[in-house]
Amino acid sequence: MRTLNYLLLAVRDPLKSAELYSKLLGREPVEKAPSFVLYVLPTGLKIGLWLADEMEPKPNAAGGIEISFSEESKDAVRATFEEWSKLGLKVVQAPTEMDFGFTFVVEDPDGHRLRPFVLGDNPR
């Protein structure tokens, strides 16, 4: 059976990106080197930060996908927005109500889109 359990993000500086992602994920990486950093989340999902210059084949520009984080409430989404805003992330979408729920979007320094959300009462 095929399992989706690993995301690799192409980054300019894995160690610098790790400083940010440790704050975003609330945990330290299990592996940390100048060209690669690895996080293992409680769900088993692995997130790797790989030096873009060393990836083969070379990656395209970031921005084609979003990494989403489910939250428990609108207040939790707002609290995450306040916390992440202090990290200097580029706000692409301020907290807003959408057809699926309450959400916002920021970009990390490499252009990866991050979307915390809580589902609405009657999501699509």
Protein backbone atom coordinates (compact mmCIF):
# COMPACT_ATOMS: atom_id res chain seq x y z
CA MET A 1 0.00 0.00 0.00
CA ARG A 2 1.28 3.44 -0.91
CA THR A 3 1.46 5.93 1.97
CA LEU A 4 1.93 9.69 1.85
CA ASN A 5 4.12 10.37 4.87
CA TYR A 6 7.02 12.55 3.75
CA LEU A 7 7.19 16.13 2.47
CA LEU A 8 10.43 17.57 1.10
CA LEU A 9 10.72 21.35 0.85
CA ALA A 10 13.42 22.87 -1.34
CA VAL A 11 15.06 25.67 0.67
CA ARG A 12 17.99 28.06 0.20
CA ASP A 13 19.43 27.45 3.68
CA PRO A 14 18.21 24.40 5.63
CA LEU A 15 19.75 25.51 8.94
CA LYS A 16 18.18 28.96 8.72
CA SER A 17 14.85 27.44 7.66
CA ALA A 18 15.10 25.07 10.64
CA GLU A 19 15.16 28.05 13.01
CA LEU A 20 11.75 29.05 11.64
CA TYR A 21 10.23 25.58 11.28
CA SER A 22 11.22 24.61 14.84
CA LYS A 23 9.05 27.52 16.01
CA LEU A 24 6.21 26.74 13.58
CA LEU A 25 6.13 23.04 14.44
CA GLY A 26 6.91 23.41 18.15
CA ARG A 27 9.70 20.84 18.05
CA GLU A 28 13.34 20.37 17.20
CA PRO A 29 14.51 18.37 14.18
CA VAL A 30 15.64 14.76 14.54
CA GLU A 31 18.38 15.33 11.95
CA LYS A 32 20.20 18.59 11.28
CA ALA A 33 22.98 19.19 8.75
CA PRO A 34 23.94 22.11 6.48
CA SER A 35 22.24 20.51 3.47
CA PHE A 36 19.29 18.71 5.11
CA VAL A 37 17.05 18.97 8.17
CA LEU A 38 14.38 16.43 9.14
CA TYR A 39 11.36 16.73 11.43
CA VAL A 40 9.16 13.82 12.50
CA LEU A 41 5.75 14.93 13.73
CA PRO A 42 3.62 13.08 16.31
CA THR A 43 1.37 11.88 13.46
CA GLY A 44 4.37 10.20 11.82
CA LEU A 45 4.55 12.77 9.02
CA LYS A 46 8.13 13.63 8.10
CA ILE A 47 9.09 17.07 6.81
CA GLY A 48 12.50 17.49 5.22
CA LEU A 49 14.18 20.81 4.46
CA TRP A 50 16.60 20.08 1.62
CA LEU A 51 19.18 22.44 0.16
CA ALA A 52 17.65 23.30 -3.23
CA ASP A 53 21.05 23.47 -4.93
CA GLU A 54 21.69 19.80 -4.06
CA MET A 55 18.34 18.39 -5.18
CA GLU A 56 18.20 16.31 -8.36
CA PRO A 57 16.30 16.96 -10.48
CA LYS A 58 16.37 20.68 -9.71
CA PRO A 59 13.09 21.91 -8.17
CA ASN A 60 10.78 24.47 -9.72
CA ALA A 61 9.87 27.63 -7.85
CA ALA A 62 7.83 27.23 -4.65
CA GLY A 63 4.21 28.25 -4.39
CA GLY A 64 2.34 25.48 -6.17
CA ILE A 65 1.11 23.79 -2.98
CA GLU A 66 0.08 24.78 0.52
CA ILE A 67 1.00 23.09 3.77
CA SER A 68 -2.10 23.16 5.95
CA PHE A 69 -2.37 22.99 9.72
CA SER A 70 -5.75 22.15 11.26
CA GLU A 71 -6.61 24.10 14.40
CA GLU A 72 -9.29 23.46 17.05
CA SER A 73 -11.08 26.83 16.91
CA LYS A 74 -11.19 30.28 15.35
CA ASP A 75 -9.45 31.59 18.47
CA ALA A 76 -6.63 29.09 17.89
CA VAL A 77 -6.32 30.28 14.27
CA ARG A 78 -6.17 33.90 15.48
CA ALA A 79 -3.55 33.00 18.12
CA THR A 80 -1.43 31.24 15.49
CA PHE A 81 -1.73 34.29 13.23
CA GLU A 82 -0.50 36.55 16.05
CA GLU A 83 2.37 34.18 16.88
CA TRP A 84 3.48 33.69 13.28
CA SER A 85 3.14 37.40 12.46
CA LYS A 86 5.85 38.06 15.05
CA LEU A 87 8.18 35.75 13.10
CA GLY A 88 8.19 38.11 10.13
CA LEU A 89 6.44 35.77 7.71
CA LYS A 90 4.87 37.36 4.64
CA VAL A 91 1.08 37.50 5.10
CA VAL A 92 -0.58 36.44 1.84
CA GLN A 93 -4.10 36.26 3.28
CA ALA A 94 -5.16 37.84 6.57
CA PRO A 95 -7.50 35.82 8.82
CA THR A 96 -10.77 35.45 6.95
CA GLU A 97 -13.92 33.39 6.72
CA MET A 98 -14.05 31.20 3.59
CA ASP A 99 -16.56 28.64 2.36
CA PHE A 100 -14.71 25.80 4.13
CA GLY A 101 -13.91 27.62 7.38
CA PHE A 102 -11.73 30.27 9.04
CA THR A 103 -8.14 30.59 7.80
CA PHE A 104 -5.10 32.67 6.89
CA VAL A 105 -2.03 32.13 4.70
CA VAL A 106 1.61 33.13 5.17
CA GLU A 107 4.75 32.37 3.15
CA ASP A 108 8.06 31.22 4.55
CA PRO A 109 11.26 32.88 3.24
CA ASP A 110 11.46 30.31 0.41
CA GLY A 111 7.89 31.03 -0.75
CA HIS A 112 6.22 27.92 0.70
CA ARG A 113 2.61 28.72 1.61
CA LEU A 114 1.41 27.79 5.10
CA ARG A 115 -2.34 27.73 5.85
CA PRO A 116 -3.70 27.20 9.38
CA PHE A 117 -7.49 26.70 9.39
CA VAL A 118 -10.49 25.49 11.33
CA LEU A 119 -13.39 23.93 9.47
CA GLY A 120 -16.68 25.81 9.49
CA ASP A 121 -19.96 24.42 10.77
CA ASN A 122 -21.01 23.45 7.25
CA PRO A 123 -17.82 23.06 5.19
CA ARG A 124 -18.21 22.24 1.51
